[in-house]
Amino acid sequence: MPAHSSREMLTLLVILENNIRVSIIGLAAEVRICQEIAKRTGGTYNVLLDDHYLKETLILNQVQPLAVAGLG
């Protein structure tokens, strides 16, 4: 592992220990650590190709509110 990526790997370990799902939307070229984080946490990693893809990706990655029993 290159020395410049050690911080990212430590962050990944904390994310995995806490069962956090990470989805990443990249604005430029694909970055390997982003791909690895999304894959290991069960999230998604998308690199935007154009404006249409931005809108589509944002819609797919919106977090839905949790349903709470007894409210409503």
Protein backbone atom coordinates (compact mmCIF):
# COMPACT_ATOMS: atom_id res chain seq x y z
CA MET A 1 0.00 0.00 0.00
CA PRO A 2 1.49 3.39 -0.93
CA ALA A 3 2.22 5.68 2.02
CA HIS A 4 -0.08 8.38 0.63
CA SER A 5 -3.12 6.10 0.95
CA SER A 6 -2.71 5.02 4.59
CA ARG A 7 -5.18 7.64 5.90
CA GLU A 8 -7.82 6.46 3.46
CA MET A 9 -7.37 2.85 4.58
CA LEU A 10 -7.70 3.82 8.25
CA THR A 11 -10.89 5.69 7.39
CA LEU A 12 -12.17 2.64 5.54
CA LEU A 13 -11.55 0.45 8.61
CA VAL A 14 -13.58 2.82 10.82
CA ILE A 15 -16.39 2.91 8.25
CA LEU A 16 -16.51 -0.89 8.09
CA GLU A 17 -16.44 -1.28 11.89
CA ASN A 18 -19.45 1.03 12.18
CA ASN A 19 -21.45 -0.58 9.33
CA ILE A 20 -21.68 2.64 7.34
CA ARG A 21 -22.67 2.38 3.67
CA VAL A 22 -20.84 4.91 1.49
CA SER A 23 -21.92 6.00 -1.99
CA ILE A 24 -19.69 8.40 -3.90
CA ILE A 25 -20.37 10.60 -6.92
CA GLY A 26 -17.13 11.55 -8.67
CA LEU A 27 -16.90 14.73 -10.71
CA ALA A 28 -13.78 13.84 -12.70
CA ALA A 29 -11.74 10.72 -13.46
CA GLU A 30 -12.32 7.50 -11.54
CA VAL A 31 -10.35 7.25 -8.29
CA ARG A 32 -9.43 3.76 -7.09
CA ILE A 33 -9.88 4.41 -3.34
CA CYS A 34 -13.39 5.77 -3.96
CA GLN A 35 -14.26 2.65 -5.91
CA GLU A 36 -12.83 0.44 -3.14
CA ILE A 37 -14.69 2.27 -0.34
CA ALA A 38 -18.02 2.03 -2.16
CA LYS A 39 -17.49 -1.64 -3.01
CA ARG A 40 -16.48 -2.70 0.52
CA THR A 41 -19.31 -0.80 2.21
CA GLY A 42 -22.08 -1.92 -0.14
CA GLY A 43 -22.48 1.55 -1.64
CA THR A 44 -22.12 2.77 -5.19
CA TYR A 45 -19.48 4.78 -7.04
CA ASN A 46 -20.40 6.78 -10.11
CA VAL A 47 -18.28 9.11 -12.21
CA LEU A 48 -20.38 11.75 -13.94
CA LEU A 49 -20.34 11.80 -17.71
CA ASP A 50 -22.66 14.73 -18.42
CA ASP A 51 -25.49 16.85 -16.99
CA HIS A 52 -28.15 14.21 -17.66
CA TYR A 53 -26.12 11.58 -15.82
CA LEU A 54 -25.72 13.98 -12.86
CA LYS A 55 -29.48 14.32 -12.44
CA GLU A 56 -30.04 10.58 -12.84
CA THR A 57 -27.27 9.72 -10.34
CA LEU A 58 -28.52 12.20 -7.74
CA ILE A 59 -32.03 10.77 -7.96
CA LEU A 60 -30.74 7.21 -7.53
CA ASN A 61 -28.63 8.19 -4.51
CA GLN A 62 -31.26 10.12 -2.56
CA VAL A 63 -31.66 8.84 0.97
CA GLN A 64 -35.20 7.87 1.80
CA PRO A 65 -36.51 8.87 5.25
CA LEU A 66 -36.80 6.05 7.77
CA ALA A 67 -40.27 4.83 8.67
CA VAL A 68 -40.91 5.03 12.40
CA ALA A 69 -43.58 2.75 13.88
CA GLY A 70 -46.36 4.52 15.71
CA LEU A 71 -46.08 7.89 13.95
CA GLY A 72 -48.72 9.17 11.63
